[in-house]
N, C-alpha and C. Protein backbone atom coordinates (compact mmCIF):
# COMPACT_ATOMS: atom_id res chain seq x y z
N MET A 1 106.97 109.89 73.44
CA MET A 1 107.38 108.61 73.99
C MET A 1 107.09 108.60 75.49
N VAL A 2 106.51 107.50 75.94
CA VAL A 2 106.16 107.34 77.35
C VAL A 2 107.32 106.67 78.08
N ASP A 3 107.61 107.15 79.26
CA ASP A 3 108.67 106.58 80.09
C ASP A 3 108.37 105.11 80.39
N PRO A 4 109.37 104.21 80.31
CA PRO A 4 109.13 102.79 80.60
C PRO A 4 108.50 102.54 81.97
N ILE A 5 108.86 103.31 82.97
CA ILE A 5 108.27 103.13 84.30
C ILE A 5 106.77 103.39 84.26
N THR A 6 106.34 104.38 83.51
CA THR A 6 104.92 104.68 83.38
C THR A 6 104.17 103.53 82.73
N VAL A 7 104.76 102.94 81.71
CA VAL A 7 104.12 101.80 81.02
C VAL A 7 103.97 100.63 81.98
N VAL A 8 105.03 100.32 82.72
CA VAL A 8 104.98 99.19 83.66
C VAL A 8 104.01 99.49 84.80
N ARG A 9 103.94 100.72 85.24
CA ARG A 9 102.99 101.10 86.29
C ARG A 9 101.55 100.91 85.79
N ARG A 10 101.28 101.30 84.54
CA ARG A 10 99.94 101.09 83.98
C ARG A 10 99.58 99.61 83.94
N GLN A 11 100.55 98.80 83.56
CA GLN A 11 100.34 97.35 83.50
C GLN A 11 99.98 96.82 84.89
N LEU A 12 100.72 97.24 85.92
CA LEU A 12 100.46 96.78 87.28
C LEU A 12 99.11 97.28 87.78
N ASP A 13 98.76 98.51 87.48
CA ASP A 13 97.47 99.06 87.88
C ASP A 13 96.33 98.25 87.26
N ALA A 14 96.46 97.91 85.98
CA ALA A 14 95.43 97.12 85.30
C ALA A 14 95.36 95.71 85.89
N TYR A 15 96.51 95.14 86.22
CA TYR A 15 96.57 93.81 86.85
C TYR A 15 95.81 93.84 88.17
N ASN A 16 96.10 94.81 89.00
CA ASN A 16 95.47 94.90 90.31
C ASN A 16 93.98 95.23 90.23
N ALA A 17 93.56 95.88 89.15
CA ALA A 17 92.15 96.20 88.93
C ALA A 17 91.41 95.06 88.23
N HIS A 18 92.15 94.02 87.84
CA HIS A 18 91.58 92.87 87.12
C HIS A 18 90.93 93.29 85.81
N ASP A 19 91.54 94.30 85.17
CA ASP A 19 91.04 94.84 83.90
C ASP A 19 91.86 94.22 82.77
N LEU A 20 91.36 93.13 82.23
CA LEU A 20 92.12 92.36 81.25
C LEU A 20 92.40 93.18 79.99
N ASP A 21 91.44 93.95 79.52
CA ASP A 21 91.66 94.74 78.31
C ASP A 21 92.76 95.78 78.51
N ALA A 22 92.71 96.49 79.63
CA ALA A 22 93.74 97.50 79.91
C ALA A 22 95.10 96.85 80.12
N PHE A 23 95.12 95.70 80.78
CA PHE A 23 96.35 94.95 81.00
C PHE A 23 96.99 94.56 79.67
N VAL A 24 96.22 93.93 78.81
CA VAL A 24 96.74 93.47 77.51
C VAL A 24 97.17 94.66 76.65
N ALA A 25 96.49 95.79 76.77
CA ALA A 25 96.82 96.98 75.98
C ALA A 25 98.20 97.55 76.29
N THR A 26 98.79 97.18 77.42
CA THR A 26 100.13 97.68 77.76
C THR A 26 101.23 96.86 77.09
N TYR A 27 100.86 95.79 76.40
CA TYR A 27 101.82 94.88 75.76
C TYR A 27 101.80 95.03 74.25
N SER A 28 102.95 94.84 73.62
CA SER A 28 103.02 94.85 72.16
C SER A 28 102.40 93.56 71.63
N PRO A 29 101.87 93.57 70.41
CA PRO A 29 101.24 92.38 69.84
C PRO A 29 102.15 91.15 69.83
N GLY A 30 103.44 91.34 69.68
CA GLY A 30 104.37 90.22 69.61
C GLY A 30 105.11 89.95 70.91
N VAL A 31 104.54 90.34 72.04
CA VAL A 31 105.20 90.19 73.33
C VAL A 31 105.64 88.74 73.57
N ARG A 32 106.78 88.62 74.24
CA ARG A 32 107.28 87.31 74.68
C ARG A 32 107.38 87.36 76.20
N VAL A 33 106.78 86.36 76.86
CA VAL A 33 106.80 86.27 78.32
C VAL A 33 107.45 84.95 78.70
N ASP A 34 108.62 85.03 79.32
CA ASP A 34 109.30 83.85 79.85
C ASP A 34 108.84 83.67 81.28
N ARG A 35 108.03 82.63 81.49
CA ARG A 35 107.34 82.43 82.77
C ARG A 35 108.22 81.66 83.77
N PRO A 36 107.87 81.75 85.06
CA PRO A 36 108.68 81.09 86.10
C PRO A 36 108.74 79.57 85.95
N ASP A 37 107.72 78.98 85.34
CA ASP A 37 107.70 77.52 85.19
C ASP A 37 108.49 77.04 83.97
N GLY A 38 109.15 77.96 83.27
CA GLY A 38 109.95 77.60 82.11
C GLY A 38 109.20 77.65 80.79
N THR A 39 107.90 77.89 80.83
CA THR A 39 107.14 78.01 79.59
C THR A 39 107.22 79.44 79.07
N THR A 40 106.82 79.61 77.83
CA THR A 40 106.86 80.91 77.19
C THR A 40 105.50 81.22 76.58
N LEU A 41 105.06 82.44 76.77
CA LEU A 41 103.87 82.95 76.08
C LEU A 41 104.35 83.86 74.97
N GLU A 42 103.72 83.76 73.80
CA GLU A 42 104.07 84.66 72.70
C GLU A 42 102.80 85.27 72.13
N GLY A 43 102.75 86.60 72.15
CA GLY A 43 101.63 87.34 71.59
C GLY A 43 100.56 87.67 72.62
N THR A 44 99.79 88.70 72.29
CA THR A 44 98.77 89.16 73.23
C THR A 44 97.59 88.20 73.33
N ASP A 45 97.32 87.41 72.30
CA ASP A 45 96.24 86.42 72.41
C ASP A 45 96.59 85.37 73.47
N ALA A 46 97.83 84.90 73.46
CA ALA A 46 98.27 83.93 74.46
C ALA A 46 98.29 84.56 75.86
N LEU A 47 98.70 85.80 75.94
CA LEU A 47 98.72 86.52 77.22
C LEU A 47 97.29 86.64 77.77
N ARG A 48 96.37 87.05 76.92
CA ARG A 48 94.96 87.20 77.33
C ARG A 48 94.42 85.85 77.84
N ALA A 49 94.67 84.80 77.10
CA ALA A 49 94.17 83.47 77.50
C ALA A 49 94.76 83.02 78.83
N ALA A 50 96.04 83.31 79.05
CA ALA A 50 96.71 82.88 80.28
C ALA A 50 96.20 83.62 81.51
N TYR A 51 95.77 84.85 81.37
CA TYR A 51 95.36 85.65 82.51
C TYR A 51 93.84 85.75 82.68
N ALA A 52 93.06 85.32 81.71
CA ALA A 52 91.61 85.52 81.74
C ALA A 52 90.96 84.93 82.98
N GLU A 53 91.29 83.71 83.33
CA GLU A 53 90.64 83.05 84.46
C GLU A 53 90.95 83.74 85.78
N GLN A 54 92.22 84.06 86.01
CA GLN A 54 92.55 84.69 87.29
C GLN A 54 91.99 86.10 87.38
N PHE A 55 91.89 86.82 86.27
CA PHE A 55 91.28 88.14 86.31
C PHE A 55 89.78 88.02 86.58
N ALA A 56 89.13 87.06 85.94
CA ALA A 56 87.69 86.85 86.14
C ALA A 56 87.39 86.51 87.60
N ALA A 57 88.29 85.77 88.23
CA ALA A 57 88.10 85.40 89.64
C ALA A 57 88.49 86.53 90.59
N ALA A 58 89.14 87.57 90.05
CA ALA A 58 89.56 88.74 90.84
C ALA A 58 90.36 88.33 92.07
N ARG A 59 91.25 87.36 91.87
CA ARG A 59 91.99 86.85 93.02
C ARG A 59 93.45 87.30 93.05
N CYS A 60 93.88 88.07 92.08
CA CYS A 60 95.29 88.43 92.00
C CYS A 60 95.52 89.89 92.41
N HIS A 61 96.66 90.09 93.02
CA HIS A 61 97.10 91.44 93.42
C HIS A 61 98.61 91.38 93.60
N ALA A 62 99.29 92.40 93.12
CA ALA A 62 100.75 92.44 93.27
C ALA A 62 101.18 93.79 93.82
N GLU A 63 102.25 93.75 94.61
CA GLU A 63 102.84 94.96 95.17
C GLU A 63 104.30 95.01 94.75
N VAL A 64 104.77 96.20 94.43
CA VAL A 64 106.17 96.39 94.10
C VAL A 64 106.91 96.82 95.36
N GLU A 65 107.92 96.04 95.73
CA GLU A 65 108.73 96.39 96.89
C GLU A 65 109.94 97.22 96.50
N ASN A 66 110.52 96.93 95.35
CA ASN A 66 111.66 97.69 94.84
C ASN A 66 111.59 97.73 93.33
N ARG A 67 112.17 98.77 92.75
CA ARG A 67 112.16 98.92 91.30
C ARG A 67 113.50 99.50 90.85
N LEU A 68 114.06 98.89 89.81
CA LEU A 68 115.26 99.39 89.15
C LEU A 68 114.93 99.65 87.70
N THR A 69 115.59 100.61 87.10
CA THR A 69 115.38 100.87 85.69
C THR A 69 116.69 101.25 85.02
N GLU A 70 116.82 100.81 83.81
CA GLU A 70 117.99 101.17 82.98
C GLU A 70 117.53 101.13 81.53
N GLY A 71 117.56 102.29 80.89
CA GLY A 71 117.13 102.35 79.50
C GLY A 71 115.70 101.86 79.34
N ARG A 72 115.52 100.84 78.50
CA ARG A 72 114.19 100.30 78.21
C ARG A 72 113.72 99.26 79.23
N TRP A 73 114.59 98.89 80.18
CA TRP A 73 114.28 97.82 81.13
C TRP A 73 113.82 98.38 82.47
N VAL A 74 112.79 97.73 83.02
CA VAL A 74 112.31 97.99 84.38
C VAL A 74 112.30 96.63 85.08
N VAL A 75 112.96 96.56 86.23
CA VAL A 75 112.99 95.31 87.00
C VAL A 75 112.33 95.57 88.34
N ASP A 76 111.27 94.80 88.59
CA ASP A 76 110.51 94.95 89.83
C ASP A 76 110.74 93.76 90.75
N GLN A 77 110.89 94.05 92.03
CA GLN A 77 110.81 93.03 93.06
C GLN A 77 109.36 93.10 93.55
N GLU A 78 108.61 92.03 93.28
CA GLU A 78 107.18 92.04 93.54
C GLU A 78 106.79 90.98 94.55
N VAL A 79 105.66 91.22 95.20
CA VAL A 79 105.01 90.22 96.03
C VAL A 79 103.62 90.03 95.43
N ALA A 80 103.33 88.80 94.98
CA ALA A 80 102.05 88.48 94.37
C ALA A 80 101.16 87.78 95.39
N HIS A 81 99.92 88.22 95.47
CA HIS A 81 98.94 87.66 96.40
C HIS A 81 97.80 87.03 95.60
N GLY A 82 97.22 85.98 96.17
CA GLY A 82 96.03 85.38 95.58
C GLY A 82 96.29 84.27 94.58
N LEU A 83 97.54 83.96 94.30
CA LEU A 83 97.86 82.90 93.35
C LEU A 83 98.17 81.58 94.04
N ALA A 84 98.47 81.66 95.31
CA ALA A 84 98.78 80.48 96.13
C ALA A 84 98.33 80.81 97.56
N ASP A 85 98.45 79.84 98.44
CA ASP A 85 98.04 80.07 99.83
C ASP A 85 98.86 81.18 100.49
N GLU A 86 100.12 81.24 100.15
CA GLU A 86 101.02 82.25 100.70
C GLU A 86 101.45 83.21 99.59
N PRO A 87 101.82 84.44 99.93
CA PRO A 87 102.34 85.36 98.91
C PRO A 87 103.58 84.79 98.23
N ILE A 88 103.74 85.15 96.97
CA ILE A 88 104.88 84.69 96.16
C ILE A 88 105.77 85.88 95.88
N ARG A 89 107.06 85.73 96.15
CA ARG A 89 108.03 86.79 95.88
C ARG A 89 108.64 86.54 94.50
N LEU A 90 108.72 87.60 93.70
CA LEU A 90 109.18 87.49 92.32
C LEU A 90 110.10 88.64 91.94
N LEU A 91 111.01 88.37 91.04
CA LEU A 91 111.73 89.41 90.31
C LEU A 91 111.22 89.33 88.88
N VAL A 92 110.78 90.47 88.36
CA VAL A 92 110.22 90.50 87.01
C VAL A 92 110.88 91.63 86.23
N ALA A 93 111.43 91.27 85.06
CA ALA A 93 112.06 92.26 84.19
C ALA A 93 111.15 92.52 83.00
N TYR A 94 110.87 93.78 82.76
CA TYR A 94 110.02 94.22 81.66
C TYR A 94 110.85 95.06 80.70
N ARG A 95 110.78 94.76 79.41
CA ARG A 95 111.43 95.62 78.41
C ARG A 95 110.33 96.36 77.66
N VAL A 96 110.49 97.67 77.55
CA VAL A 96 109.49 98.53 76.91
C VAL A 96 110.07 99.07 75.61
N THR A 97 109.32 98.86 74.53
CA THR A 97 109.69 99.35 73.21
C THR A 97 108.46 100.01 72.60
N ASP A 98 108.62 101.21 72.08
CA ASP A 98 107.50 101.93 71.45
C ASP A 98 106.28 102.00 72.37
N ASP A 99 106.52 102.33 73.62
CA ASP A 99 105.47 102.58 74.62
C ASP A 99 104.66 101.35 75.02
N ARG A 100 105.19 100.16 74.73
CA ARG A 100 104.52 98.92 75.15
C ARG A 100 105.55 97.92 75.62
N ILE A 101 105.12 97.03 76.48
CA ILE A 101 106.00 95.97 76.98
C ILE A 101 106.12 94.92 75.89
N ASP A 102 107.36 94.65 75.46
CA ASP A 102 107.54 93.65 74.40
C ASP A 102 108.27 92.39 74.88
N MET A 103 108.78 92.43 76.13
CA MET A 103 109.41 91.25 76.69
C MET A 103 109.27 91.27 78.20
N VAL A 104 108.99 90.09 78.76
CA VAL A 104 108.90 89.94 80.22
C VAL A 104 109.69 88.69 80.57
N ARG A 105 110.51 88.82 81.60
CA ARG A 105 111.26 87.68 82.12
C ARG A 105 111.06 87.62 83.63
N PHE A 106 110.54 86.48 84.07
CA PHE A 106 110.45 86.22 85.50
C PHE A 106 111.80 85.64 85.92
N LEU A 107 112.45 86.27 86.87
CA LEU A 107 113.82 85.94 87.25
C LEU A 107 113.88 85.17 88.57
N THR A 108 112.90 84.33 88.82
CA THR A 108 112.87 83.58 90.07
C THR A 108 113.06 82.10 89.81
């Protein structure tokens, strides 16, 4: 079993490298993502579609300022760059089950 922090770190590394295949591989097939705008993504196909354009443009980058973990949950305080004119501050909670992220909640 892989530590949840390691799984979330792999996800962030793939995000920052704009590697869509590696990014999606860190998620379970039935992942649920509760997005900041109130919409929800379900499944890796929806996740891939949602991130494909920004990865292709190589305009996204995120930094973790703080990280908390408890059991299967990892909560990151992140700063996202390249999605808007100014950096965006986010709290993101990741739940890891069976070595993959199966739930994401943006807490902003």
